[in-house]
Protein backbone atom coordinates (compact mmCIF):
# COMPACT_ATOMS: atom_id res chain seq x y z
CA MET A 1 21.17 82.11 -81.46
CA ILE A 2 18.02 82.59 -83.48
CA ILE A 3 15.84 80.13 -85.38
CA SER A 4 15.98 80.96 -89.08
CA HIS A 5 13.48 79.41 -91.49
CA LYS A 6 15.17 78.22 -94.67
CA GLY A 7 12.09 77.31 -96.66
CA ALA A 8 10.17 74.77 -94.57
CA MET A 9 13.17 73.94 -92.40
CA PRO A 10 13.99 75.77 -89.15
CA ILE A 11 17.69 75.87 -88.29
CA GLY A 12 19.62 77.56 -85.51
CA VAL A 13 22.03 80.29 -86.63
CA PHE A 14 24.28 82.77 -84.85
CA PRO A 15 23.69 86.37 -86.02
CA ASP A 16 27.32 87.45 -85.47
CA PHE A 17 28.51 84.63 -87.73
CA GLU A 18 26.10 85.74 -90.43
CA LYS A 19 27.05 89.40 -90.04
CA ALA A 20 30.76 88.55 -90.41
CA GLY A 21 30.03 86.64 -93.63
CA LEU A 22 32.05 83.92 -95.39
CA ALA A 23 30.94 81.09 -93.06
CA ALA A 24 27.82 79.03 -93.78
CA HIS A 25 26.55 77.34 -90.62
CA GLY A 26 23.50 75.92 -88.93
CA ILE A 27 22.22 73.66 -86.16
CA SER A 28 19.41 71.34 -87.13
CA THR A 29 16.16 70.68 -85.34
CA ARG A 30 14.08 67.54 -85.77
CA ILE A 31 11.78 69.29 -88.28
CA GLY A 32 11.86 69.12 -92.05
CA GLY A 33 12.95 65.59 -92.91
CA VAL A 34 11.49 62.30 -94.13
CA SER A 35 12.19 59.91 -91.24
CA GLU A 36 9.28 58.29 -89.40
CA GLY A 37 8.37 56.92 -85.99
CA SER A 38 10.78 57.81 -83.17
CA PHE A 39 13.10 59.33 -85.82
CA ASN A 40 10.47 61.82 -86.94
CA SER A 41 11.53 63.67 -88.98
CA LEU A 42 15.01 65.17 -89.65
CA ASN A 43 17.15 62.41 -88.18
CA LEU A 44 20.81 62.98 -89.10
CA GLY A 45 22.20 60.03 -87.17
CA LEU A 46 23.54 57.12 -89.20
CA GLY A 47 23.61 53.77 -87.43
CA ARG A 48 20.66 54.45 -85.12
CA GLY A 49 18.28 52.10 -86.96
CA ASP A 50 16.81 54.58 -89.43
CA SER A 51 17.17 53.75 -93.12
CA ARG A 52 20.28 55.12 -94.81
CA GLU A 53 18.11 56.46 -97.65
CA ASN A 54 16.09 58.56 -95.19
CA VAL A 55 19.19 59.91 -93.47
CA LEU A 56 20.83 60.82 -96.78
CA GLU A 57 17.71 62.67 -97.89
CA ASN A 58 17.64 64.46 -94.55
CA PHE A 59 21.28 65.49 -94.97
CA LYS A 60 20.54 66.74 -98.49
CA ARG A 61 17.73 68.96 -97.20
CA PHE A 62 19.75 70.23 -94.22
CA PHE A 63 22.84 71.09 -96.26
CA GLU A 64 20.71 72.85 -98.88
CA ALA A 65 19.17 74.97 -96.11
CA VAL A 66 22.59 75.78 -94.67
CA GLY A 67 24.18 76.43 -98.07
CA ALA A 68 27.07 73.96 -97.65
CA ASP A 69 28.41 71.09 -99.78
CA MET A 70 27.16 67.77 -98.43
CA ASN A 71 29.57 65.76 -100.57
CA SER A 72 32.61 67.44 -98.97
CA ALA A 73 31.43 67.18 -95.36
CA VAL A 74 33.81 65.85 -92.71
CA PHE A 75 32.17 64.09 -89.76
CA SER A 76 33.45 63.87 -86.22
CA SER A 77 33.90 60.42 -84.64
CA GLN A 78 32.46 61.15 -81.23
CA THR A 79 33.25 59.15 -78.10
CA HIS A 80 32.92 61.93 -75.49
CA THR A 81 36.62 62.83 -75.63
CA SER A 82 38.14 66.31 -75.72
CA ASN A 83 40.25 65.53 -78.81
CA VAL A 84 40.32 68.21 -81.50
CA ILE A 85 42.04 67.57 -84.85
CA ILE A 86 42.80 69.51 -88.04
CA ALA A 87 40.61 68.63 -91.06
CA GLU A 88 42.32 69.04 -94.42
CA ALA A 89 41.30 68.90 -98.06
CA SER A 90 42.27 65.21 -98.20
CA ASP A 91 39.56 64.50 -95.59
CA ARG A 92 36.68 65.60 -97.82
CA GLY A 93 33.69 63.29 -97.54
CA LYS A 94 34.87 61.32 -94.51
CA GLY A 95 31.92 59.98 -92.56
CA LEU A 96 29.18 60.32 -95.16
CA LYS A 97 30.52 59.81 -98.67
CA ARG A 98 33.44 57.57 -97.71
CA LYS A 99 34.70 55.66 -94.70
CA SER A 100 36.42 57.74 -92.07
CA ASP A 101 39.70 56.82 -90.39
CA PHE A 102 39.03 59.20 -87.50
CA HIS A 103 38.75 57.69 -84.03
CA ASP A 104 37.85 59.41 -80.76
CA VAL A 105 37.46 62.81 -82.41
CA ASP A 106 34.93 65.19 -80.83
CA GLY A 107 36.28 68.40 -82.35
CA LEU A 108 37.38 69.51 -85.80
CA CYS A 109 38.98 72.69 -87.15
CA THR A 110 40.04 73.87 -90.58
CA ASN A 111 40.89 76.86 -92.74
CA GLU A 112 40.06 74.98 -95.94
CA PRO A 113 37.26 76.66 -97.95
CA GLY A 114 34.28 74.45 -98.77
CA LEU A 115 35.10 71.80 -96.17
CA PRO A 116 32.04 71.54 -93.87
CA LEU A 117 32.71 70.34 -90.33
CA VAL A 118 29.88 68.28 -88.82
CA THR A 119 29.22 67.20 -85.23
CA PHE A 120 26.19 65.47 -83.68
CA TYR A 121 23.92 66.02 -80.69
CA ALA A 122 20.86 64.91 -78.78
CA ASP A 123 21.33 66.78 -75.45
CA CYS A 124 25.09 67.46 -75.60
CA VAL A 125 26.30 71.00 -76.33
CA PRO A 126 27.15 72.06 -79.91
CA LEU A 127 30.07 74.51 -80.03
CA LEU A 128 30.87 76.39 -83.23
CA PHE A 129 33.82 78.76 -83.77
CA TYR A 130 34.64 81.27 -86.49
CA ASP A 131 37.59 83.63 -86.83
CA PRO A 132 36.68 86.06 -89.62
CA ILE A 133 40.16 87.62 -89.54
CA GLU A 134 42.25 84.49 -90.10
CA LYS A 135 39.34 82.72 -91.84
CA ALA A 136 39.36 79.57 -89.77
CA ILE A 137 36.55 77.55 -88.19
CA ALA A 138 35.99 74.79 -85.63
CA ALA A 139 33.17 72.61 -84.37
CA ALA A 140 33.11 70.65 -81.12
CA HIS A 141 30.77 68.25 -79.34
CA ALA A 142 30.66 69.02 -75.63
CA GLY A 143 28.81 66.44 -73.59
CA TRP A 144 29.31 66.55 -69.87
CA ARG A 145 32.67 64.82 -70.21
CA GLY A 146 33.76 67.11 -73.01
CA THR A 147 32.66 70.14 -71.03
CA ALA A 148 34.42 68.94 -67.86
CA ASN A 149 37.57 68.34 -69.92
CA MET A 150 37.19 71.82 -71.49
CA ILE A 151 36.96 70.82 -75.12
CA GLY A 152 35.93 74.40 -75.94
CA MET A 153 39.29 75.69 -74.67
CA LYS A 154 41.06 72.97 -76.66
CA ALA A 155 39.24 74.00 -79.84
CA VAL A 156 40.37 77.60 -79.29
CA SER A 157 43.93 76.42 -78.66
CA ALA A 158 43.84 74.42 -81.91
CA LEU A 159 42.75 77.49 -83.88
CA VAL A 160 45.49 79.57 -82.27
CA SER A 161 48.29 77.05 -82.84
CA ALA A 162 47.26 75.94 -86.34
CA TYR A 163 46.21 79.22 -87.90
CA GLY A 164 47.55 82.02 -85.73
CA CYS A 165 44.09 83.04 -84.55
CA LYS A 166 43.79 85.52 -81.69
CA PRO A 167 41.19 84.50 -79.12
CA GLU A 168 39.77 88.02 -78.95
CA ASN A 169 38.83 87.75 -82.67
CA ILE A 170 37.10 84.38 -82.43
CA LEU A 171 33.31 84.26 -82.50
CA ALA A 172 31.71 81.33 -80.67
CA GLY A 173 28.21 79.87 -80.73
CA ILE A 174 26.81 77.60 -78.00
CA GLY A 175 23.84 75.70 -79.40
CA PRO A 176 20.74 74.06 -77.94
CA SER A 177 21.39 71.29 -75.43
CA ILE A 178 19.92 69.91 -72.25
CA GLY A 179 19.42 72.92 -70.01
CA PRO A 180 20.05 73.53 -66.30
CA CYS A 181 16.35 72.87 -65.78
CA CYS A 182 16.79 69.22 -66.74
CA PHE A 183 20.48 68.25 -66.43
CA GLU A 184 20.59 66.47 -63.07
CA VAL A 185 23.71 64.48 -62.15
CA ASP A 186 25.00 62.48 -59.23
CA GLU A 187 27.91 63.34 -56.95
CA PRO A 188 30.72 61.68 -58.98
CA VAL A 189 29.87 63.75 -62.06
CA ALA A 190 29.69 66.93 -59.99
CA LEU A 191 33.10 66.12 -58.53
CA GLU A 192 34.58 65.73 -62.02
CA PHE A 193 33.50 69.27 -62.84
CA LYS A 194 34.84 70.63 -59.57
CA LYS A 195 38.16 68.87 -60.16
CA ARG A 196 38.65 70.01 -63.76
CA VAL A 197 36.88 73.36 -64.31
CA PRO A 198 38.01 76.23 -62.08
CA GLY A 199 35.03 78.24 -60.83
CA CYS A 200 32.39 75.79 -62.07
CA GLU A 201 30.59 75.84 -58.71
CA ALA A 202 28.94 79.08 -59.86
CA PHE A 203 27.04 77.04 -62.48
CA MET A 204 25.95 74.20 -60.21
CA GLN A 205 23.01 73.72 -57.86
CA GLY A 206 22.97 71.25 -54.99
CA PRO A 207 23.59 68.89 -53.49
CA TYR A 208 19.98 68.06 -52.74
CA GLY A 209 18.00 64.86 -52.33
CA ALA A 210 20.27 61.82 -52.75
CA ASN A 211 23.38 63.93 -53.45
CA LYS A 212 22.01 65.20 -56.74
CA HIS A 213 23.21 68.32 -58.54
CA LYS A 214 22.01 70.37 -61.50
CA ILE A 215 24.62 71.80 -63.86
CA ASP A 216 24.26 74.67 -66.32
CA LEU A 217 26.30 73.39 -69.29
CA TRP A 218 25.66 76.58 -71.27
CA SER A 219 27.12 78.89 -68.65
CA CYS A 220 29.92 76.46 -67.89
CA ASN A 221 31.00 76.37 -71.54
CA LYS A 222 30.70 80.15 -71.78
CA HIS A 223 32.94 80.43 -68.70
CA ILE A 224 35.48 78.05 -70.26
CA LEU A 225 35.58 80.06 -73.50
CA ALA A 226 36.09 83.27 -71.53
CA MET A 227 39.00 81.58 -69.75
CA ALA A 228 40.37 80.73 -73.23
CA GLY A 229 40.45 84.47 -74.01
CA LEU A 230 37.23 84.99 -75.96
CA LYS A 231 35.35 88.21 -75.39
CA GLN A 232 32.02 87.79 -73.62
CA GLU A 233 30.29 89.77 -76.36
CA ASN A 234 31.63 87.31 -78.97
CA ILE A 235 29.97 84.29 -77.32
CA ASP A 236 26.38 83.64 -78.39
CA CYS A 237 24.41 81.11 -76.33
CA SER A 238 21.11 79.43 -77.13
CA PRO A 239 18.45 79.43 -74.38
CA LEU A 240 16.65 76.34 -75.74
CA CYS A 241 16.64 73.09 -73.74
CA THR A 242 16.50 69.99 -75.95
CA SER A 243 14.76 67.97 -73.22
CA CYS A 244 12.01 70.55 -72.73
CA HIS A 245 11.29 71.19 -76.42
CA SER A 246 10.16 67.76 -77.59
CA GLY A 247 8.57 69.08 -80.78
CA LEU A 248 11.76 70.82 -81.85
CA TYR A 249 14.65 68.62 -80.68
CA TYR A 250 15.61 65.03 -80.00
CA SER A 251 16.73 64.33 -76.42
CA HIS A 252 18.65 61.27 -75.27
CA ARG A 253 17.77 61.82 -71.64
CA ARG A 254 14.09 62.32 -72.39
CA ASP A 255 13.67 59.58 -75.01
CA GLY A 256 16.54 57.19 -74.38
CA GLY A 257 17.65 55.15 -77.37
CA ALA A 258 14.39 55.77 -79.28
CA ARG A 259 15.50 58.98 -80.93
CA GLY A 260 17.26 60.55 -83.87
CA SER A 261 20.23 62.94 -83.84
CA MET A 262 20.66 66.60 -84.66
CA ALA A 263 23.78 67.98 -86.33
CA ALA A 264 25.76 71.20 -86.38
CA VAL A 265 27.70 72.26 -89.46
CA ILE A 266 30.04 75.11 -90.30
CA SER A 267 31.84 75.71 -93.58
CA LEU A 268 34.01 78.50 -94.99
């Protein structure tokens, strides 16, 4: 992933996606919006206490930078599940322009042109997918629960079953999240990973102290995508920790509830 400056707004983009063409995408930072205080400045989280007017203006600026249609955007309905659903033309605008009937949806996929898929983050891992052969896309929100339940593999499976995608043709982008430097968990969380993700011990440190562990969510998700059949060279991973880079990203672990949200979007 690289940081691309679209006017005054820095956004994360994956060079392989851009090289393949036909898919507008981007991962926001906290820079370039109008929100104030703890939401400063590009808060894209509705319902966090920021004014709706500010959030809508922030979305307008972000979508203009990405080159996608804000009015057609389809939002996830995140509850840290591993559920991935198909978004269709009839879903246009759900989440921002009209009320959504989605529940417990942390991943979206589509082959509908001009239908932006949007997921939200403030330490969790953004996953974006693009098959330039079958012209299909997906977006997934992988918190620790989503990662442990291998939502990335489920997004790949959805693309394969819905659109006939071949895993070896799928490009994947793993965006900024809390890094292995800062993601410390207790023993029960570590056990969930060991129980659900084969080989995850390679991406864990510990136990140390009071049975604490550190987990590398980036490498763990990359490992899961490789198990799903993606080529290593088709998986692009950001090296930026949201908790460390306070000037660039919101972080739930660092700031608690006093924060905004970033978003990831991809659109054919």
